Amino acid sequence: MSIYDDPDITFEEIAIELGYLMRDIAVTGLKSLNREYREFRKFQMEQDAKQNPIDHDEWK
């Protein structure tokens, strides 16, 4: 049985549960966004390395 099916639940309890739900959604979204950003930066760095290869002999 879900907390929202309880006929004796108060509005305050529902508000608290919804607050937890919103927080969990936000945290999950931020983690996903962070993971996607890291993948994008990795891809970007790989593309930069292909376009601008460093001439290692130049540093010897």
Protein backbone atom coordinates (compact mmCIF):
# COMPACT_ATOMS: atom_id res chain seq x y z
CA MET A 1 0.00 0.00 0.00
CA SER A 2 1.37 3.40 -0.97
CA ILE A 3 1.56 6.27 1.47
CA TYR A 4 -0.75 8.20 -0.87
CA ASP A 5 -3.45 5.48 -0.55
CA ASP A 6 -3.68 5.97 3.22
CA PRO A 7 -6.99 7.73 3.97
CA ASP A 8 -5.63 9.09 7.27
CA ILE A 9 -2.59 10.85 5.77
CA THR A 10 -2.42 14.57 6.35
CA PHE A 11 -1.63 17.26 3.83
CA GLU A 12 1.60 18.03 5.72
CA GLU A 13 2.75 14.40 5.44
CA ILE A 14 2.02 14.41 1.71
CA ALA A 15 3.92 17.69 1.34
CA ILE A 16 6.92 16.21 3.17
CA GLU A 17 6.90 13.08 0.99
CA LEU A 18 6.61 15.18 -2.17
CA GLY A 19 9.53 17.28 -0.96
CA TYR A 20 11.63 14.13 -0.61
CA LEU A 21 10.53 13.00 -4.06
CA MET A 22 11.46 16.36 -5.62
CA ARG A 23 14.86 16.27 -3.91
CA ASP A 24 15.51 12.74 -5.16
CA ILE A 25 14.53 13.74 -8.71
CA ALA A 26 16.84 16.77 -8.57
CA VAL A 27 19.79 14.79 -7.20
CA THR A 28 19.32 12.03 -9.77
CA GLY A 29 19.09 14.61 -12.55
CA LEU A 30 22.27 16.36 -11.41
CA LYS A 31 24.17 13.08 -11.24
CA SER A 32 23.00 12.22 -14.75
CA LEU A 33 23.91 15.67 -16.04
CA ASN A 34 27.35 15.45 -14.45
CA ARG A 35 27.95 12.02 -16.02
CA GLU A 36 26.86 13.30 -19.44
CA TYR A 37 29.11 16.35 -19.10
CA ARG A 38 32.13 14.17 -18.22
CA GLU A 39 31.44 11.98 -21.26
CA PHE A 40 31.11 15.06 -23.47
CA ARG A 41 34.40 16.53 -22.17
CA LYS A 42 36.14 13.20 -22.77
CA PHE A 43 34.81 13.15 -26.33
CA GLN A 44 35.83 16.79 -26.82
CA MET A 45 39.36 16.11 -25.60
CA GLU A 46 39.65 13.11 -27.93
CA GLN A 47 38.51 15.24 -30.86
CA ASP A 48 40.99 17.97 -29.95
CA ALA A 49 43.79 15.41 -29.78
CA LYS A 50 42.89 14.14 -33.26
CA GLN A 51 42.71 17.63 -34.74
CA ASN A 52 45.83 18.99 -33.03
CA PRO A 53 48.28 16.16 -32.47
CA ILE A 54 51.29 17.18 -30.42
CA ASP A 55 54.61 16.73 -32.15
CA HIS A 56 56.55 14.96 -29.40
CA ASP A 57 59.85 15.41 -31.25
CA GLU A 58 59.44 19.15 -30.85
CA TRP A 59 60.03 18.84 -27.10
CA LYS A 60 63.27 16.82 -27.33
